[in-house]
Amino acid sequence: FAGQILALQLLQLVTQGTYYSSFVYYLGGTPGKLLLGCRVVTA
């Protein structure tokens, strides 16, 4: 059961990382940022 909980947490962490990284790379920002008219850029 502890191993399954750990696997679930890792899956959720990967999902979170994919969410932030993919949206920033492909669209310039996460849905929250894009909805408020923001985007992430270099200096």
PDB file of all heavy atoms in Angstrom:
ATOM      1  N   PHE A   1       0.832  -1.202   0.000  1.00  0.00           N
ATOM      2  CA  PHE A   1       0.000   0.000   0.000  1.00  0.00           C
ATOM      3  C   PHE A   1       0.874   1.263   0.000  1.00  0.00           C
ATOM      4  O   PHE A   1       0.598   2.231  -0.717  1.00  0.00           O
ATOM      5  CB  PHE A   1      -0.920  -0.001   1.222  1.00  0.00           C
ATOM      6  CG  PHE A   1      -1.861   1.179   1.281  1.00  0.00           C
ATOM      7  CD1 PHE A   1      -2.999   1.207   0.491  1.00  0.00           C
ATOM      8  CD2 PHE A   1      -1.595   2.270   2.113  1.00  0.00           C
ATOM      9  CE1 PHE A   1      -3.869   2.287   0.530  1.00  0.00           C
ATOM     10  CE2 PHE A   1      -2.458   3.356   2.155  1.00  0.00           C
ATOM     11  CZ  PHE A   1      -3.593   3.362   1.368  1.00  0.00           C
ATOM     12  N   ALA A   2       1.958   1.242   0.822  1.00  0.00           N
ATOM     13  CA  ALA A   2       2.879   2.384   0.867  1.00  0.00           C
ATOM     14  C   ALA A   2       3.544   2.599  -0.494  1.00  0.00           C
ATOM     15  O   ALA A   2       3.736   3.731  -0.943  1.00  0.00           O
ATOM     16  CB  ALA A   2       3.934   2.161   1.947  1.00  0.00           C
ATOM     17  N   GLY A   3       3.874   1.498  -1.167  1.00  0.00           N
ATOM     18  CA  GLY A   3       4.472   1.606  -2.503  1.00  0.00           C
ATOM     19  C   GLY A   3       3.504   2.189  -3.510  1.00  0.00           C
ATOM     20  O   GLY A   3       3.880   2.983  -4.381  1.00  0.00           O
ATOM     21  N   GLN A   4       2.222   1.819  -3.393  1.00  0.00           N
ATOM     22  CA  GLN A   4       1.205   2.358  -4.297  1.00  0.00           C
ATOM     23  C   GLN A   4       0.983   3.849  -4.056  1.00  0.00           C
ATOM     24  O   GLN A   4       0.781   4.618  -5.002  1.00  0.00           O
ATOM     25  CB  GLN A   4      -0.102   1.577  -4.132  1.00  0.00           C
ATOM     26  CG  GLN A   4      -0.023   0.141  -4.635  1.00  0.00           C
ATOM     27  CD  GLN A   4      -1.278  -0.645  -4.341  1.00  0.00           C
ATOM     28  OE1 GLN A   4      -2.084  -0.266  -3.491  1.00  0.00           O
ATOM     29  NE2 GLN A   4      -1.457  -1.757  -5.053  1.00  0.00           N
ATOM     30  N   ILE A   5       1.002   4.255  -2.795  1.00  0.00           N
ATOM     31  CA  ILE A   5       0.876   5.679  -2.474  1.00  0.00           C
ATOM     32  C   ILE A   5       2.047   6.462  -3.042  1.00  0.00           C
ATOM     33  O   ILE A   5       1.870   7.550  -3.618  1.00  0.00           O
ATOM     34  CB  ILE A   5       0.796   5.882  -0.948  1.00  0.00           C
ATOM     35  CG1 ILE A   5      -0.535   5.367  -0.402  1.00  0.00           C
ATOM     36  CG2 ILE A   5       0.964   7.365  -0.591  1.00  0.00           C
ATOM     37  CD1 ILE A   5      -1.737   6.154  -0.869  1.00  0.00           C
ATOM     38  N   LEU A   6       3.259   5.902  -2.903  1.00  0.00           N
ATOM     39  CA  LEU A   6       4.443   6.561  -3.449  1.00  0.00           C
ATOM     40  C   LEU A   6       4.354   6.673  -4.970  1.00  0.00           C
ATOM     41  O   LEU A   6       4.688   7.712  -5.549  1.00  0.00           O
ATOM     42  CB  LEU A   6       5.698   5.783  -3.045  1.00  0.00           C
ATOM     43  CG  LEU A   6       7.036   6.334  -3.563  1.00  0.00           C
ATOM     44  CD1 LEU A   6       7.251   7.759  -3.043  1.00  0.00           C
ATOM     45  CD2 LEU A   6       8.184   5.430  -3.148  1.00  0.00           C
ATOM     46  N   ALA A   7       3.881   5.600  -5.620  1.00  0.00           N
ATOM     47  CA  ALA A   7       3.729   5.624  -7.081  1.00  0.00           C
ATOM     48  C   ALA A   7       2.721   6.683  -7.503  1.00  0.00           C
ATOM     49  O   ALA A   7       2.918   7.393  -8.500  1.00  0.00           O
ATOM     50  CB  ALA A   7       3.308   4.247  -7.575  1.00  0.00           C
ATOM     51  N   LEU A   8       1.627   6.807  -6.736  1.00  0.00           N
ATOM     52  CA  LEU A   8       0.618   7.817  -7.041  1.00  0.00           C
ATOM     53  C   LEU A   8       1.190   9.229  -6.894  1.00  0.00           C
ATOM     54  O   LEU A   8       0.948  10.104  -7.744  1.00  0.00           O
ATOM     55  CB  LEU A   8      -0.586   7.650  -6.122  1.00  0.00           C
ATOM     56  CG  LEU A   8      -1.706   8.700  -6.261  1.00  0.00           C
ATOM     57  CD1 LEU A   8      -2.279   8.682  -7.671  1.00  0.00           C
ATOM     58  CD2 LEU A   8      -2.798   8.458  -5.227  1.00  0.00           C
ATOM     59  N   GLN A   9       1.970   9.461  -5.853  1.00  0.00           N
ATOM     60  CA  GLN A   9       2.568  10.774  -5.645  1.00  0.00           C
ATOM     61  C   GLN A   9       3.564  11.117  -6.749  1.00  0.00           C
ATOM     62  O   GLN A   9       3.625  12.261  -7.211  1.00  0.00           O
ATOM     63  CB  GLN A   9       3.244  10.823  -4.277  1.00  0.00           C
ATOM     64  CG  GLN A   9       2.267  10.796  -3.110  1.00  0.00           C
ATOM     65  CD  GLN A   9       2.963  10.802  -1.772  1.00  0.00           C
ATOM     66  OE1 GLN A   9       4.110  10.391  -1.647  1.00  0.00           O
ATOM     67  NE2 GLN A   9       2.253  11.259  -0.737  1.00  0.00           N
ATOM     68  N   LEU A  10       4.333  10.123  -7.182  1.00  0.00           N
ATOM     69  CA  LEU A  10       5.271  10.352  -8.286  1.00  0.00           C
ATOM     70  C   LEU A  10       4.528  10.667  -9.573  1.00  0.00           C
ATOM     71  O   LEU A  10       4.939  11.544 -10.351  1.00  0.00           O
ATOM     72  CB  LEU A  10       6.166   9.122  -8.474  1.00  0.00           C
ATOM     73  CG  LEU A  10       7.215   8.865  -7.391  1.00  0.00           C
ATOM     74  CD1 LEU A  10       7.948   7.557  -7.648  1.00  0.00           C
ATOM     75  CD2 LEU A  10       8.216  10.025  -7.339  1.00  0.00           C
ATOM     76  N   LEU A  11       3.420   9.957  -9.802  1.00  0.00           N
ATOM     77  CA  LEU A  11       2.598  10.210 -10.993  1.00  0.00           C
ATOM     78  C   LEU A  11       2.043  11.624 -10.966  1.00  0.00           C
ATOM     79  O   LEU A  11       2.045  12.326 -11.992  1.00  0.00           O
ATOM     80  CB  LEU A  11       1.467   9.192 -11.060  1.00  0.00           C
ATOM     81  CG  LEU A  11       0.468   9.360 -12.226  1.00  0.00           C
ATOM     82  CD1 LEU A  11       1.178   9.247 -13.561  1.00  0.00           C
ATOM     83  CD2 LEU A  11      -0.648   8.321 -12.113  1.00  0.00           C
ATOM     84  N   GLN A  12       1.580  12.058  -9.802  1.00  0.00           N
ATOM     85  CA  GLN A  12       1.045  13.411  -9.684  1.00  0.00           C
ATOM     86  C   GLN A  12       2.141  14.456  -9.848  1.00  0.00           C
ATOM     87  O   GLN A  12       1.913  15.525 -10.424  1.00  0.00           O
ATOM     88  CB  GLN A  12       0.346  13.558  -8.336  1.00  0.00           C
ATOM     89  CG  GLN A  12      -0.939  12.748  -8.227  1.00  0.00           C
ATOM     90  CD  GLN A  12      -1.605  12.864  -6.881  1.00  0.00           C
ATOM     91  OE1 GLN A  12      -0.945  13.039  -5.858  1.00  0.00           O
ATOM     92  NE2 GLN A  12      -2.935  12.761  -6.850  1.00  0.00           N
ATOM     93  N   LEU A  13       3.345  14.155  -9.348  1.00  0.00           N
ATOM     94  CA  LEU A  13       4.459  15.094  -9.494  1.00  0.00           C
ATOM     95  C   LEU A  13       4.867  15.238 -10.959  1.00  0.00           C
ATOM     96  O   LEU A  13       5.127  16.341 -11.444  1.00  0.00           O
ATOM     97  CB  LEU A  13       5.651  14.610  -8.663  1.00  0.00           C
ATOM     98  CG  LEU A  13       6.852  15.559  -8.568  1.00  0.00           C
ATOM     99  CD1 LEU A  13       6.447  16.853  -7.874  1.00  0.00           C
ATOM    100  CD2 LEU A  13       8.004  14.904  -7.822  1.00  0.00           C
ATOM    101  N   VAL A  14       4.889  14.105 -11.677  1.00  0.00           N
ATOM    102  CA  VAL A  14       5.212  14.137 -13.114  1.00  0.00           C
ATOM    103  C   VAL A  14       4.140  14.902 -13.881  1.00  0.00           C
ATOM    104  O   VAL A  14       4.444  15.692 -14.793  1.00  0.00           O
ATOM    105  CB  VAL A  14       5.360  12.704 -13.660  1.00  0.00           C
ATOM    106  CG1 VAL A  14       5.448  12.719 -15.186  1.00  0.00           C
ATOM    107  CG2 VAL A  14       6.583  12.037 -13.070  1.00  0.00           C
ATOM    108  N   THR A  15       2.886  14.692 -13.502  1.00  0.00           N
ATOM    109  CA  THR A  15       1.787  15.417 -14.153  1.00  0.00           C
ATOM    110  C   THR A  15       1.923  16.914 -13.940  1.00  0.00           C
ATOM    111  O   THR A  15       1.758  17.710 -14.871  1.00  0.00           O
ATOM    112  CB  THR A  15       0.428  14.951 -13.581  1.00  0.00           C
ATOM    113  OG1 THR A  15       0.285  13.552 -13.801  1.00  0.00           O
ATOM    114  CG2 THR A  15      -0.718  15.694 -14.250  1.00  0.00           C
ATOM    115  N   GLN A  16       2.258  17.310 -12.721  1.00  0.00           N
ATOM    116  CA  GLN A  16       2.430  18.728 -12.408  1.00  0.00           C
ATOM    117  C   GLN A  16       3.595  19.320 -13.190  1.00  0.00           C
ATOM    118  O   GLN A  16       3.490  20.419 -13.754  1.00  0.00           O
ATOM    119  CB  GLN A  16       2.679  18.884 -10.910  1.00  0.00           C
ATOM    120  CG  GLN A  16       2.881  20.326 -10.460  1.00  0.00           C
ATOM    121  CD  GLN A  16       2.997  20.425  -8.942  1.00  0.00           C
ATOM    122  OE1 GLN A  16       2.064  20.110  -8.226  1.00  0.00           O
ATOM    123  NE2 GLN A  16       4.149  20.847  -8.462  1.00  0.00           N
ATOM    124  N   GLY A  17       4.710  18.585 -13.240  1.00  0.00           N
ATOM    125  CA  GLY A  17       5.870  19.058 -13.989  1.00  0.00           C
ATOM    126  C   GLY A  17       5.591  19.184 -15.469  1.00  0.00           C
ATOM    127  O   GLY A  17       6.011  20.143 -16.120  1.00  0.00           O
ATOM    128  N   THR A  18       4.867  18.198 -16.018  1.00  0.00           N
ATOM    129  CA  THR A  18       4.506  18.241 -17.437  1.00  0.00           C
ATOM    130  C   THR A  18       3.583  19.416 -17.728  1.00  0.00           C
ATOM    131  O   THR A  18       3.714  20.090 -18.754  1.00  0.00           O
ATOM    132  CB  THR A  18       3.818  16.926 -17.848  1.00  0.00           C
ATOM    133  OG1 THR A  18       4.691  15.825 -17.563  1.00  0.00           O
ATOM    134  CG2 THR A  18       3.475  16.941 -19.329  1.00  0.00           C
ATOM    135  N   TYR A  19       2.661  19.674 -16.818  1.00  0.00           N
ATOM    136  CA  TYR A  19       1.712  20.785 -16.960  1.00  0.00           C
ATOM    137  C   TYR A  19       2.461  22.114 -17.077  1.00  0.00           C
ATOM    138  O   TYR A  19       2.277  22.867 -18.041  1.00  0.00           O
ATOM    139  CB  TYR A  19       0.783  20.787 -15.744  1.00  0.00           C
ATOM    140  CG  TYR A  19      -0.174  21.967 -15.660  1.00  0.00           C
ATOM    141  CD1 TYR A  19      -1.441  21.891 -16.225  1.00  0.00           C
ATOM    142  CD2 TYR A  19       0.177  23.130 -14.986  1.00  0.00           C
ATOM    143  CE1 TYR A  19      -2.329  22.954 -16.131  1.00  0.00           C
ATOM    144  CE2 TYR A  19      -0.703  24.203 -14.887  1.00  0.00           C
ATOM    145  CZ  TYR A  19      -1.949  24.110 -15.454  1.00  0.00           C
ATOM    146  OH  TYR A  19      -2.816  25.168 -15.359  1.00  0.00           O
ATOM    147  N   TYR A  20       3.318  22.389 -16.105  1.00  0.00           N
ATOM    148  CA  TYR A  20       4.024  23.677 -16.098  1.00  0.00           C
ATOM    149  C   TYR A  20       5.031  23.787 -17.241  1.00  0.00           C
ATOM    150  O   TYR A  20       5.074  24.801 -17.952  1.00  0.00           O
ATOM    151  CB  TYR A  20       4.733  23.868 -14.754  1.00  0.00           C
ATOM    152  CG  TYR A  20       3.816  24.289 -13.633  1.00  0.00           C
ATOM    153  CD1 TYR A  20       3.443  23.396 -12.635  1.00  0.00           C
ATOM    154  CD2 TYR A  20       3.303  25.588 -13.579  1.00  0.00           C
ATOM    155  CE1 TYR A  20       2.585  23.774 -11.606  1.00  0.00           C
ATOM    156  CE2 TYR A  20       2.443  25.974 -12.559  1.00  0.00           C
ATOM    157  CZ  TYR A  20       2.088  25.069 -11.581  1.00  0.00           C
ATOM    158  OH  TYR A  20       1.229  25.450 -10.577  1.00  0.00           O
ATOM    159  N   SER A  21       5.843  22.755 -17.427  1.00  0.00           N
ATOM    160  CA  SER A  21       6.905  22.829 -18.434  1.00  0.00           C
ATOM    161  C   SER A  21       6.350  22.900 -19.854  1.00  0.00           C
ATOM    162  O   SER A  21       6.807  23.705 -20.670  1.00  0.00           O
ATOM    163  CB  SER A  21       7.837  21.622 -18.299  1.00  0.00           C
ATOM    164  OG  SER A  21       8.396  21.558 -17.020  1.00  0.00           O
ATOM    165  N   SER A  22       5.349  22.062 -20.147  1.00  0.00           N
ATOM    166  CA  SER A  22       4.821  22.003 -21.514  1.00  0.00           C
ATOM    167  C   SER A  22       4.102  23.288 -21.902  1.00  0.00           C
ATOM    168  O   SER A  22       4.308  23.816 -23.002  1.00  0.00           O
ATOM    169  CB  SER A  22       3.873  20.813 -21.660  1.00  0.00           C
ATOM    170  OG  SER A  22       4.544  19.604 -21.416  1.00  0.00           O
ATOM    171  N   PHE A  23       3.255  23.797 -21.011  1.00  0.00           N
ATOM    172  CA  PHE A  23       2.525  25.023 -21.342  1.00  0.00           C
ATOM    173  C   PHE A  23       3.472  26.208 -21.521  1.00  0.00           C
ATOM    174  O   PHE A  23       3.288  27.035 -22.422  1.00  0.00           O
ATOM    175  CB  PHE A  23       1.483  25.329 -20.266  1.00  0.00           C
ATOM    176  CG  PHE A  23       0.186  24.600 -20.451  1.00  0.00           C
ATOM    177  CD1 PHE A  23      -0.233  23.646 -19.541  1.00  0.00           C
ATOM    178  CD2 PHE A  23      -0.616  24.858 -21.551  1.00  0.00           C
ATOM    179  CE1 PHE A  23      -1.434  22.954 -19.723  1.00  0.00           C
ATOM    180  CE2 PHE A  23      -1.819  24.188 -21.745  1.00  0.00           C
ATOM    181  CZ  PHE A  23      -2.220  23.230 -20.836  1.00  0.00           C
ATOM    182  N   VAL A  24       4.485  26.284 -20.651  1.00  0.00           N
ATOM    183  CA  VAL A  24       5.441  27.392 -20.763  1.00  0.00           C
ATOM    184  C   VAL A  24       6.226  27.291 -22.066  1.00  0.00           C
ATOM    185  O   VAL A  24       6.452  28.294 -22.755  1.00  0.00           O
ATOM    186  CB  VAL A  24       6.392  27.406 -19.550  1.00  0.00           C
ATOM    187  CG1 VAL A  24       7.563  28.353 -19.804  1.00  0.00           C
ATOM    188  CG2 VAL A  24       5.645  27.837 -18.296  1.00  0.00           C
ATOM    189  N   TYR A  25       6.622  26.079 -22.431  1.00  0.00           N
ATOM    190  CA  TYR A  25       7.427  25.911 -23.646  1.00  0.00           C
ATOM    191  C   TYR A  25       6.604  26.128 -24.911  1.00  0.00           C
ATOM    192  O   TYR A  25       7.024  26.852 -25.811  1.00  0.00           O
ATOM    193  CB  TYR A  25       8.052  24.512 -23.678  1.00  0.00           C
ATOM    194  CG  TYR A  25       8.797  24.222 -24.961  1.00  0.00           C
ATOM    195  CD1 TYR A  25       9.989  24.882 -25.270  1.00  0.00           C
ATOM    196  CD2 TYR A  25       8.285  23.318 -25.893  1.00  0.00           C
ATOM    197  CE1 TYR A  25      10.663  24.631 -26.455  1.00  0.00           C
ATOM    198  CE2 TYR A  25       8.956  23.062 -27.079  1.00  0.00           C
ATOM    199  CZ  TYR A  25      10.138  23.721 -27.352  1.00  0.00           C
ATOM    200  OH  TYR A  25      10.793  23.482 -28.537  1.00  0.00           O
ATOM    201  N   TYR A  26       5.443  25.518 -24.987  1.00  0.00           N
ATOM    202  CA  TYR A  26       4.657  25.571 -26.221  1.00  0.00           C
ATOM    203  C   TYR A  26       3.824  26.844 -26.369  1.00  0.00           C
ATOM    204  O   TYR A  26       3.677  27.372 -27.481  1.00  0.00           O
ATOM    205  CB  TYR A  26       3.739  24.351 -26.313  1.00  0.00           C
ATOM    206  CG  TYR A  26       4.470  23.059 -26.590  1.00  0.00           C
ATOM    207  CD1 TYR A  26       4.611  22.093 -25.598  1.00  0.00           C
ATOM    208  CD2 TYR A  26       5.031  22.806 -27.836  1.00  0.00           C
ATOM    209  CE1 TYR A  26       5.295  20.898 -25.846  1.00  0.00           C
ATOM    210  CE2 TYR A  26       5.713  21.621 -28.089  1.00  0.00           C
ATOM    211  CZ  TYR A  26       5.841  20.674 -27.101  1.00  0.00           C
ATOM    212  OH  TYR A  26       6.513  19.513 -27.347  1.00  0.00           O
ATOM    213  N   LEU A  27       3.275  27.340 -25.270  1.00  0.00           N
ATOM    214  CA  LEU A  27       2.374  28.495 -25.342  1.00  0.00           C
ATOM    215  C   LEU A  27       2.927  29.757 -24.685  1.00  0.00           C
ATOM    216  O   LEU A  27       2.326  30.815 -24.780  1.00  0.00           O
ATOM    217  CB  LEU A  27       1.022  28.142 -24.711  1.00  0.00           C
ATOM    218  CG  LEU A  27       0.265  26.974 -25.348  1.00  0.00           C
ATOM    219  CD1 LEU A  27      -1.058  26.740 -24.619  1.00  0.00           C
ATOM    220  CD2 LEU A  27       0.010  27.233 -26.830  1.00  0.00           C
ATOM    221  N   GLY A  28       4.059  29.627 -24.004  1.00  0.00           N
ATOM    222  CA  GLY A  28       4.655  30.804 -23.373  1.00  0.00           C
ATOM    223  C   GLY A  28       4.172  31.043 -21.958  1.00  0.00           C
ATOM    224  O   GLY A  28       4.622  31.979 -21.296  1.00  0.00           O
ATOM    225  N   GLY A  29       3.254  30.209 -21.463  1.00  0.00           N
ATOM    226  CA  GLY A  29       2.760  30.382 -20.103  1.00  0.00           C
ATOM    227  C   GLY A  29       1.732  29.331 -19.756  1.00  0.00           C
ATOM    228  O   GLY A  29       1.149  28.693 -20.643  1.00  0.00           O
ATOM    229  N   THR A  30       1.505  29.135 -18.480  1.00  0.00           N
ATOM    230  CA  THR A  30       0.478  28.199 -18.019  1.00  0.00           C
ATOM    231  C   THR A  30      -0.902  28.797 -18.288  1.00  0.00           C
ATOM    232  O   THR A  30      -1.025  30.006 -18.531  1.00  0.00           O
ATOM    233  CB  THR A  30       0.644  27.945 -16.520  1.00  0.00           C
ATOM    234  OG1 THR A  30       0.548  29.194 -15.825  1.00  0.00           O
ATOM    235  CG2 THR A  30       1.977  27.290 -16.217  1.00  0.00           C
ATOM    236  N   PRO A  31      -1.972  27.993 -18.244  1.00  0.00           N
ATOM    237  CA  PRO A  31      -3.321  28.535 -18.453  1.00  0.00           C
ATOM    238  C   PRO A  31      -3.638  29.699 -17.531  1.00  0.00           C
ATOM    239  O   PRO A  31      -4.275  30.672 -17.949  1.00  0.00           O
ATOM    240  CB  PRO A  31      -4.219  27.322 -18.164  1.00  0.00           C
ATOM    241  CG  PRO A  31      -3.397  26.149 -18.577  1.00  0.00           C
ATOM    242  CD  PRO A  31      -1.993  26.505 -18.162  1.00  0.00           C
ATOM    243  N   GLY A  32      -3.215  29.620 -16.267  1.00  0.00           N
ATOM    244  CA  GLY A  32      -3.469  30.727 -15.341  1.00  0.00           C
ATOM    245  C   GLY A  32      -2.829  32.012 -15.802  1.00  0.00           C
ATOM    246  O   GLY A  32      -3.453  33.085 -15.783  1.00  0.00           O
ATOM    247  N   LYS A  33      -1.592  31.934 -16.250  1.00  0.00           N
ATOM    248  CA  LYS A  33      -0.886  33.134 -16.728  1.00  0.00           C
ATOM    249  C   LYS A  33      -1.499  33.655 -18.016  1.00  0.00           C
ATOM    250  O   LYS A  33      -1.677  34.863 -18.202  1.00  0.00           O
ATOM    251  CB  LYS A  33       0.602  32.825 -16.914  1.00  0.00           C
ATOM    252  CG  LYS A  33       1.384  32.692 -15.613  1.00  0.00           C
ATOM    253  CD  LYS A  33       2.856  32.467 -15.886  1.00  0.00           C
ATOM    254  CE  LYS A  33       3.663  32.515 -14.602  1.00  0.00           C
ATOM    255  NZ  LYS A  33       3.273  31.472 -13.646  1.00  0.00           N
ATOM    256  N   LEU A  34      -1.824  32.737 -18.925  1.00  0.00           N
ATOM    257  CA  LEU A  34      -2.395  33.157 -20.207  1.00  0.00           C
ATOM    258  C   LEU A  34      -3.760  33.810 -20.024  1.00  0.00           C
ATOM    259  O   LEU A  34      -4.089  34.778 -20.724  1.00  0.00           O
ATOM    260  CB  LEU A  34      -2.494  31.955 -21.145  1.00  0.00           C
ATOM    261  CG  LEU A  34      -1.156  31.312 -21.557  1.00  0.00           C
ATOM    262  CD1 LEU A  34      -1.401  30.071 -22.397  1.00  0.00           C
ATOM    263  CD2 LEU A  34      -0.276  32.300 -22.308  1.00  0.00           C
ATOM    264  N   LEU A  35      -4.550  33.295 -19.095  1.00  0.00           N
ATOM    265  CA  LEU A  35      -5.864  33.884 -18.835  1.00  0.00           C
ATOM    266  C   LEU A  35      -5.752  35.310 -18.308  1.00  0.00           C
ATOM    267  O   LEU A  35      -6.623  36.151 -18.560  1.00  0.00           O
ATOM    268  CB  LEU A  35      -6.633  33.025 -17.833  1.00  0.00           C
ATOM    269  CG  LEU A  35      -7.244  31.725 -18.385  1.00  0.00           C
ATOM    270  CD1 LEU A  35      -7.802  30.883 -17.248  1.00  0.00           C
ATOM    271  CD2 LEU A  35      -8.333  32.031 -19.417  1.00  0.00           C
ATOM    272  N   LEU A  36      -4.662  35.606 -17.602  1.00  0.00           N
ATOM    273  CA  LEU A  36      -4.459  36.945 -17.054  1.00  0.00           C
ATOM    274  C   LEU A  36      -3.529  37.780 -17.929  1.00  0.00           C
ATOM    275  O   LEU A  36      -3.044  38.833 -17.512  1.00  0.00           O
ATOM    276  CB  LEU A  36      -3.907  36.851 -15.624  1.00  0.00           C
ATOM    277  CG  LEU A  36      -4.848  36.184 -14.617  1.00  0.00           C
ATOM    278  CD1 LEU A  36      -4.245  36.212 -13.214  1.00  0.00           C
ATOM    279  CD2 LEU A  36      -6.214  36.869 -14.599  1.00  0.00           C
ATOM    280  N   GLY A  37      -3.279  37.311 -19.156  1.00  0.00           N
ATOM    281  CA  GLY A  37      -2.494  38.090 -20.113  1.00  0.00           C
ATOM    282  C   GLY A  37      -1.015  38.130 -19.821  1.00  0.00           C
ATOM    283  O   GLY A  37      -0.358  39.144 -20.097  1.00  0.00           O
ATOM    284  N   CYS A  38      -0.461  37.046 -19.280  1.00  0.00           N
ATOM    285  CA  CYS A  38       0.965  37.011 -18.954  1.00  0.00           C
ATOM    286  C   CYS A  38       1.653  35.884 -19.716  1.00  0.00           C
ATOM    287  O   CYS A  38       1.012  34.948 -20.170  1.00  0.00           O
ATOM    288  CB  CYS A  38       1.177  36.796 -17.457  1.00  0.00           C
ATOM    289  SG  CYS A  38       0.354  37.993 -16.410  1.00  0.00           S
ATOM    290  N   ARG A  39       2.963  35.987 -19.821  1.00  0.00           N
ATOM    291  CA  ARG A  39       3.745  34.896 -20.378  1.00  0.00           C
ATOM    292  C   ARG A  39       5.144  34.924 -19.786  1.00  0.00           C
ATOM    293  O   ARG A  39       5.596  35.955 -19.267  1.00  0.00           O
ATOM    294  CB  ARG A  39       3.804  34.967 -21.910  1.00  0.00           C
ATOM    295  CG  ARG A  39       4.312  36.265 -22.486  1.00  0.00           C
ATOM    296  CD  ARG A  39       4.038  36.315 -23.983  1.00  0.00           C
ATOM    297  NE  ARG A  39       4.429  37.582 -24.582  1.00  0.00           N
ATOM    298  CZ  ARG A  39       5.607  37.795 -25.158  1.00  0.00           C
ATOM    299  NH1 ARG A  39       6.493  36.813 -25.217  1.00  0.00           N
ATOM    300  NH2 ARG A  39       5.906  38.963 -25.683  1.00  0.00           N
ATOM    301  N   VAL A  40       5.840  33.811 -19.877  1.00  0.00           N
ATOM    302  CA  VAL A  40       7.173  33.658 -19.300  1.00  0.00           C
ATOM    303  C   VAL A  40       8.209  33.786 -20.407  1.00  0.00           C
ATOM    304  O   VAL A  40       8.097  33.119 -21.445  1.00  0.00           O
ATOM    305  CB  VAL A  40       7.313  32.290 -18.597  1.00  0.00           C
ATOM    306  CG1 VAL A  40       8.687  32.183 -17.927  1.00  0.00           C
ATOM    307  CG2 VAL A  40       6.202  32.098 -17.578  1.00  0.00           C
ATOM    308  N   VAL A  41       9.216  34.637 -20.194  1.00  0.00           N
ATOM    309  CA  VAL A  41      10.249  34.862 -21.198  1.00  0.00           C
ATOM    310  C   VAL A  41      11.617  34.913 -20.526  1.00  0.00           C
ATOM    311  O   VAL A  41      11.719  34.931 -19.296  1.00  0.00           O
ATOM    312  CB  VAL A  41      10.006  36.188 -21.968  1.00  0.00           C
ATOM    313  CG1 VAL A  41       8.710  36.141 -22.744  1.00  0.00           C
ATOM    314  CG2 VAL A  41      10.012  37.383 -21.001  1.00  0.00           C
ATOM    315  N   THR A  42      12.657  34.955 -21.341  1.00  0.00           N
ATOM    316  CA  THR A  42      14.006  35.158 -20.825  1.00  0.00           C
ATOM    317  C   THR A  42      14.201  36.638 -20.509  1.00  0.00           C
ATOM    318  O   THR A  42      13.326  37.463 -20.774  1.00  0.00           O
ATOM    319  CB  THR A  42      15.062  34.715 -21.848  1.00  0.00           C
ATOM    320  OG1 THR A  42      14.971  35.589 -23.005  1.00  0.00           O
ATOM    321  CG2 THR A  42      14.820  33.288 -22.296  1.00  0.00           C
ATOM    322  N   ALA A  43      15.350  36.983 -19.977  1.00  0.00           N
ATOM    323  CA  ALA A  43      15.636  38.380 -19.651  1.00  0.00           C
ATOM    324  C   ALA A  43      15.632  39.252 -20.901  1.00  0.00           C
ATOM    325  O   ALA A  43      15.392  40.457 -20.822  1.00  0.00           O
ATOM    326  CB  ALA A  43      16.997  38.487 -18.951  1.00  0.00           C
TER     327      ALA A  43
END
